[in-house]
Amino acid sequence: MEPPEPLPGLTPVPADGPPPPARRPVRCALCGRPLTGAESRRTGLGPSCDAKLHPPGPDIRTRRHDVDQEPLPGT
């Protein structure tokens, strides 16, 4: 009995075989720079371009102010 033939595409590549294909560089959708971080690659924007499109919201503490008040009578 002959050994079964391996399935096409599932044969292991010999160690001296061709290198694996390089990943296609992902570029920022706004400025075109190459993206290296996983989160940047996922969103398609670099950190500086993402900050331009999505600025942080206003800090609630900056809108709050304290008022000087006399102590309440009887306290």
N, C-alpha and C. Protein backbone atom coordinates (compact mmCIF):
# COMPACT_ATOMS: atom_id res chain seq x y z
N MET A 1 0.83 -1.16 0.00
CA MET A 1 0.00 0.00 0.00
C MET A 1 0.89 1.24 0.00
N GLU A 2 0.54 2.23 -0.81
CA GLU A 2 1.32 3.47 -0.93
C GLU A 2 0.82 4.48 0.11
N PRO A 3 1.72 5.33 0.62
CA PRO A 3 1.25 6.36 1.54
C PRO A 3 0.34 7.35 0.80
N PRO A 4 -0.66 7.91 1.49
CA PRO A 4 -1.57 8.85 0.81
C PRO A 4 -0.83 10.13 0.44
N GLU A 5 -1.26 10.72 -0.66
CA GLU A 5 -0.64 11.98 -1.09
C GLU A 5 -1.13 13.11 -0.17
N PRO A 6 -0.22 14.03 0.18
CA PRO A 6 -0.65 15.15 1.03
C PRO A 6 -1.61 16.06 0.25
N LEU A 7 -2.48 16.73 0.99
CA LEU A 7 -3.42 17.64 0.36
C LEU A 7 -2.68 18.84 -0.20
N PRO A 8 -3.10 19.35 -1.36
CA PRO A 8 -2.41 20.52 -1.92
C PRO A 8 -2.59 21.73 -1.02
N GLY A 9 -1.53 22.48 -0.86
CA GLY A 9 -1.55 23.67 -0.03
C GLY A 9 -1.29 23.41 1.44
N LEU A 10 -1.30 22.16 1.87
CA LEU A 10 -1.07 21.85 3.27
C LEU A 10 0.28 21.21 3.51
N THR A 11 1.08 21.12 2.48
CA THR A 11 2.40 20.53 2.64
C THR A 11 3.31 21.51 3.35
N PRO A 12 4.11 21.05 4.30
CA PRO A 12 5.01 21.98 4.99
C PRO A 12 6.09 22.47 4.04
N VAL A 13 6.44 23.74 4.21
CA VAL A 13 7.49 24.34 3.39
C VAL A 13 8.83 23.97 4.00
N PRO A 14 9.76 23.45 3.21
CA PRO A 14 11.06 23.11 3.77
C PRO A 14 11.77 24.35 4.32
N ALA A 15 12.66 24.14 5.28
CA ALA A 15 13.36 25.25 5.93
C ALA A 15 14.15 26.08 4.94
N ASP A 16 14.64 25.47 3.87
CA ASP A 16 15.41 26.23 2.89
C ASP A 16 14.51 26.75 1.77
N GLY A 17 13.20 26.66 1.95
CA GLY A 17 12.24 27.10 0.93
C GLY A 17 12.11 28.61 0.91
N PRO A 18 11.17 29.10 0.14
CA PRO A 18 11.01 30.55 0.02
C PRO A 18 10.48 31.14 1.34
N PRO A 19 10.84 32.39 1.62
CA PRO A 19 10.37 33.03 2.85
C PRO A 19 8.87 33.30 2.75
N PRO A 20 8.21 33.44 3.89
CA PRO A 20 6.78 33.75 3.83
C PRO A 20 6.55 35.12 3.21
N PRO A 21 5.42 35.34 2.59
CA PRO A 21 5.18 36.64 1.95
C PRO A 21 5.11 37.75 2.99
N ALA A 22 5.65 38.90 2.65
CA ALA A 22 5.66 40.05 3.56
C ALA A 22 4.26 40.64 3.66
N ARG A 23 3.93 41.19 4.84
CA ARG A 23 2.63 41.82 4.99
C ARG A 23 2.60 43.12 4.21
N ARG A 24 1.46 43.39 3.61
CA ARG A 24 1.30 44.62 2.85
C ARG A 24 1.25 45.78 3.84
N PRO A 25 2.02 46.84 3.63
CA PRO A 25 2.01 47.94 4.59
C PRO A 25 0.64 48.63 4.60
N VAL A 26 0.17 48.96 5.79
CA VAL A 26 -1.08 49.69 5.95
C VAL A 26 -0.72 51.14 6.16
N ARG A 27 -1.38 52.02 5.43
CA ARG A 27 -1.07 53.44 5.50
C ARG A 27 -2.23 54.21 6.11
N CYS A 28 -1.90 55.33 6.72
CA CYS A 28 -2.91 56.20 7.34
C CYS A 28 -3.83 56.73 6.25
N ALA A 29 -5.13 56.71 6.52
CA ALA A 29 -6.11 57.18 5.55
C ALA A 29 -6.07 58.69 5.37
N LEU A 30 -5.51 59.42 6.33
CA LEU A 30 -5.49 60.87 6.25
C LEU A 30 -4.18 61.40 5.67
N CYS A 31 -3.04 60.93 6.20
CA CYS A 31 -1.76 61.50 5.77
C CYS A 31 -0.93 60.55 4.91
N GLY A 32 -1.24 59.26 4.93
CA GLY A 32 -0.53 58.30 4.08
C GLY A 32 0.73 57.70 4.69
N ARG A 33 1.03 58.03 5.93
CA ARG A 33 2.21 57.45 6.57
C ARG A 33 1.96 55.98 6.89
N PRO A 34 3.00 55.16 6.92
CA PRO A 34 2.80 53.74 7.28
C PRO A 34 2.42 53.60 8.75
N LEU A 35 1.47 52.71 9.03
CA LEU A 35 1.00 52.47 10.39
C LEU A 35 1.70 51.25 10.95
N THR A 36 2.15 51.36 12.20
CA THR A 36 2.87 50.25 12.82
C THR A 36 2.14 49.64 14.00
N GLY A 37 1.40 50.43 14.75
CA GLY A 37 0.70 49.92 15.92
C GLY A 37 -0.53 49.12 15.55
N ALA A 38 -0.88 48.14 16.38
CA ALA A 38 -2.02 47.28 16.10
C ALA A 38 -3.32 48.09 16.09
N GLU A 39 -3.49 48.99 17.06
CA GLU A 39 -4.72 49.79 17.11
C GLU A 39 -4.79 50.73 15.92
N SER A 40 -3.67 51.31 15.53
CA SER A 40 -3.66 52.20 14.37
C SER A 40 -3.98 51.44 13.09
N ARG A 41 -3.42 50.25 12.96
CA ARG A 41 -3.70 49.42 11.78
C ARG A 41 -5.17 49.03 11.74
N ARG A 42 -5.76 48.79 12.90
CA ARG A 42 -7.17 48.40 12.96
C ARG A 42 -8.08 49.55 12.56
N THR A 43 -7.78 50.78 13.04
CA THR A 43 -8.64 51.92 12.74
C THR A 43 -8.31 52.59 11.41
N GLY A 44 -7.09 52.41 10.93
CA GLY A 44 -6.71 53.02 9.66
C GLY A 44 -6.21 54.44 9.79
N LEU A 45 -6.01 54.90 11.04
CA LEU A 45 -5.51 56.25 11.29
C LEU A 45 -4.36 56.20 12.27
N GLY A 46 -3.36 57.04 12.04
CA GLY A 46 -2.27 57.16 12.99
C GLY A 46 -2.72 57.93 14.23
N PRO A 47 -1.94 57.91 15.31
CA PRO A 47 -2.36 58.58 16.54
C PRO A 47 -2.59 60.08 16.37
N SER A 48 -1.75 60.78 15.63
CA SER A 48 -1.92 62.23 15.48
C SER A 48 -3.12 62.55 14.60
N CYS A 49 -3.35 61.78 13.55
CA CYS A 49 -4.51 62.02 12.69
C CYS A 49 -5.80 61.64 13.40
N ASP A 50 -5.76 60.60 14.22
CA ASP A 50 -6.93 60.21 14.99
C ASP A 50 -7.30 61.31 15.98
N ALA A 51 -6.28 61.94 16.59
CA ALA A 51 -6.53 63.02 17.53
C ALA A 51 -7.12 64.24 16.82
N LYS A 52 -6.76 64.46 15.56
CA LYS A 52 -7.33 65.58 14.80
C LYS A 52 -8.81 65.33 14.50
N LEU A 53 -9.16 64.11 14.16
CA LEU A 53 -10.54 63.81 13.81
C LEU A 53 -11.43 63.57 15.02
N HIS A 54 -10.86 63.07 16.10
CA HIS A 54 -11.63 62.76 17.30
C HIS A 54 -10.99 63.44 18.51
N PRO A 55 -11.19 64.76 18.67
CA PRO A 55 -10.58 65.44 19.82
C PRO A 55 -11.23 64.95 21.11
N PRO A 56 -10.49 64.98 22.21
CA PRO A 56 -11.06 64.55 23.48
C PRO A 56 -12.18 65.49 23.91
N GLY A 57 -13.15 64.94 24.60
CA GLY A 57 -14.28 65.74 25.07
C GLY A 57 -13.85 66.70 26.17
N PRO A 58 -14.67 67.68 26.46
CA PRO A 58 -14.30 68.63 27.51
C PRO A 58 -14.28 67.95 28.87
N ASP A 59 -13.34 68.36 29.68
CA ASP A 59 -13.22 67.80 31.01
C ASP A 59 -14.29 68.41 31.90
N ILE A 60 -15.05 67.61 32.56
CA ILE A 60 -16.16 68.10 33.37
C ILE A 60 -15.64 68.99 34.50
N ARG A 61 -14.49 68.65 35.03
CA ARG A 61 -13.95 69.43 36.15
C ARG A 61 -13.62 70.85 35.75
N THR A 62 -13.33 71.12 34.49
CA THR A 62 -13.00 72.48 34.08
C THR A 62 -14.24 73.37 34.06
N ARG A 63 -15.43 72.78 33.94
CA ARG A 63 -16.65 73.57 33.90
C ARG A 63 -17.21 73.81 35.30
N ARG A 64 -16.75 73.08 36.29
CA ARG A 64 -17.26 73.21 37.64
C ARG A 64 -16.49 74.32 38.35
N HIS A 65 -17.20 75.10 39.12
CA HIS A 65 -16.53 76.14 39.90
C HIS A 65 -17.12 76.17 41.30
N ASP A 66 -16.30 76.54 42.25
CA ASP A 66 -16.73 76.63 43.65
C ASP A 66 -17.15 78.07 43.94
N VAL A 67 -18.18 78.20 44.77
CA VAL A 67 -18.68 79.51 45.14
C VAL A 67 -18.39 79.71 46.61
N ASP A 68 -17.82 80.87 46.94
CA ASP A 68 -17.61 81.20 48.35
C ASP A 68 -18.96 81.50 48.97
N GLN A 69 -19.24 80.89 50.09
CA GLN A 69 -20.54 81.01 50.74
C GLN A 69 -20.34 81.15 52.23
N GLU A 70 -21.13 82.00 52.82
CA GLU A 70 -21.12 82.16 54.27
C GLU A 70 -21.70 80.89 54.89
N PRO A 71 -21.22 80.52 56.10
CA PRO A 71 -21.79 79.33 56.73
C PRO A 71 -23.28 79.54 57.03
N LEU A 72 -24.04 78.48 56.93
CA LEU A 72 -25.47 78.55 57.19
C LEU A 72 -25.71 78.81 58.67
N PRO A 73 -26.72 79.63 59.02
CA PRO A 73 -26.98 79.88 60.43
C PRO A 73 -27.44 78.61 61.15
N GLY A 74 -26.98 78.43 62.35
CA GLY A 74 -27.36 77.29 63.16
C GLY A 74 -26.48 76.07 62.95
N THR A 75 -25.45 76.19 62.16
CA THR A 75 -24.56 75.02 61.96
C THR A 75 -23.25 75.23 62.64
